[in-house]
Amino acid sequence: MAELTENTKRIISVLQDLKDGEVVSYRDVANLAGIPRGARQVSRVLHGLSDEYKLPWWRVVRADGRIALLGDGRDEQIKRLNAEGITVNEQGKIQKIKK
């Protein structure tokens, strides 16, 4: 396994701190990790390291509140969000976040 960059470590830390029912955008994660304009890097970390680091990938959506995934991934994300009390409309946009 390759050594993780400091940016990657910070992204992983932010993602691991997300709680049930908490939804953030790729941009939010990047900003919290101290990486302005790092949304694509967040996407790459989620794509490549979610299983290994048990990252809650389903809690990350686009900046406009919509799910970015398609097909089975989208269905699985909606299922997991619903299980945490989060409502998603037919267009894949977050409607209600559990308080």
Protein backbone atom coordinates (compact mmCIF):
# COMPACT_ATOMS: atom_id res chain seq x y z
CA MET A 1 0.00 0.00 0.00
CA ALA A 2 1.32 3.42 -0.94
CA GLU A 3 1.97 6.09 1.68
CA LEU A 4 -1.00 8.45 2.02
CA THR A 5 -0.49 12.16 1.38
CA GLU A 6 -1.26 14.64 4.15
CA ASN A 7 -4.28 15.88 2.17
CA THR A 8 -5.61 12.34 1.86
CA LYS A 9 -5.15 11.75 5.59
CA ARG A 10 -7.08 14.94 6.39
CA ILE A 11 -9.91 13.97 4.03
CA ILE A 12 -10.14 10.53 5.63
CA SER A 13 -10.24 12.11 9.08
CA VAL A 14 -13.10 14.46 8.12
CA LEU A 15 -15.06 11.60 6.57
CA GLN A 16 -14.56 9.33 9.57
CA ASP A 17 -15.92 12.08 11.84
CA LEU A 18 -19.28 12.22 10.02
CA LYS A 19 -22.15 11.03 12.20
CA ASP A 20 -25.35 9.16 11.32
CA GLY A 21 -27.78 11.51 9.57
CA GLU A 22 -25.07 14.03 8.68
CA VAL A 23 -24.79 14.87 4.98
CA VAL A 24 -22.07 17.04 3.45
CA SER A 25 -20.92 17.96 -0.04
CA TYR A 26 -17.61 17.02 -1.61
CA ARG A 27 -16.73 20.72 -1.33
CA ASP A 28 -17.64 20.79 2.38
CA VAL A 29 -15.31 17.86 3.07
CA ALA A 30 -12.49 19.53 1.14
CA ASN A 31 -12.96 22.80 3.03
CA LEU A 32 -13.09 21.05 6.40
CA ALA A 33 -9.87 19.24 5.46
CA GLY A 34 -8.22 22.57 4.62
CA ILE A 35 -8.09 21.89 0.89
CA PRO A 36 -9.92 24.68 -0.97
CA ARG A 37 -10.99 23.52 -4.43
CA GLY A 38 -10.32 19.93 -3.36
CA ALA A 39 -13.74 18.43 -4.12
CA ARG A 40 -12.37 16.17 -6.86
CA GLN A 41 -9.69 14.91 -4.52
CA VAL A 42 -12.43 14.01 -2.03
CA SER A 43 -14.17 12.07 -4.79
CA ARG A 44 -10.97 10.17 -5.59
CA VAL A 45 -10.41 9.29 -1.92
CA LEU A 46 -13.99 8.04 -1.60
CA HIS A 47 -13.68 6.00 -4.78
CA GLY A 48 -10.37 4.42 -3.89
CA LEU A 49 -10.30 4.11 -0.11
CA SER A 50 -13.91 3.80 1.15
CA ASP A 51 -13.73 0.05 1.76
CA GLU A 52 -10.25 0.01 3.28
CA TYR A 53 -10.96 2.85 5.72
CA LYS A 54 -14.69 2.15 6.16
CA LEU A 55 -15.59 5.65 4.96
CA PRO A 56 -19.27 6.68 5.01
CA TRP A 57 -19.36 7.48 1.27
CA TRP A 58 -23.17 7.61 1.24
CA ARG A 59 -23.14 10.78 3.38
CA VAL A 60 -21.40 12.82 0.67
CA VAL A 61 -23.44 14.51 -2.08
CA ARG A 62 -22.98 17.19 -4.70
CA ALA A 63 -22.88 20.87 -3.70
CA ASP A 64 -26.48 21.28 -4.90
CA GLY A 65 -27.65 18.55 -2.52
CA ARG A 66 -28.09 15.87 -5.17
CA ILE A 67 -26.63 12.39 -5.25
CA ALA A 68 -23.80 12.15 -7.77
CA LEU A 69 -23.91 8.38 -8.30
CA LEU A 70 -25.95 6.53 -10.91
CA GLY A 71 -27.46 3.06 -11.11
CA ASP A 72 -26.92 0.58 -8.30
CA GLY A 73 -24.60 2.95 -6.43
CA ARG A 74 -27.32 5.60 -6.38
CA ASP A 75 -29.90 3.09 -5.14
CA GLU A 76 -27.56 1.92 -2.38
CA GLN A 77 -26.80 5.50 -1.33
CA ILE A 78 -30.51 6.35 -1.10
CA LYS A 79 -31.17 3.18 0.90
CA ARG A 80 -28.41 4.02 3.38
CA LEU A 81 -29.49 7.66 3.70
CA ASN A 82 -33.12 6.63 4.27
CA ALA A 83 -31.95 4.24 7.00
CA GLU A 84 -30.38 7.26 8.75
CA GLY A 85 -33.61 9.28 8.55
CA ILE A 86 -32.68 11.33 5.49
CA THR A 87 -35.31 11.83 2.79
CA VAL A 88 -34.27 11.91 -0.88
CA ASN A 89 -36.67 12.99 -3.64
CA GLU A 90 -37.13 11.29 -7.03
CA GLN A 91 -34.48 13.53 -8.60
CA GLY A 92 -31.95 12.35 -6.01
CA LYS A 93 -31.91 15.57 -4.00
CA ILE A 94 -31.72 15.57 -0.22
CA GLN A 95 -35.07 16.81 1.13
CA LYS A 96 -34.97 16.33 4.85
CA ILE A 97 -32.06 15.84 7.18
CA LYS A 98 -32.64 14.30 10.58
CA LYS A 99 -32.14 16.84 13.37
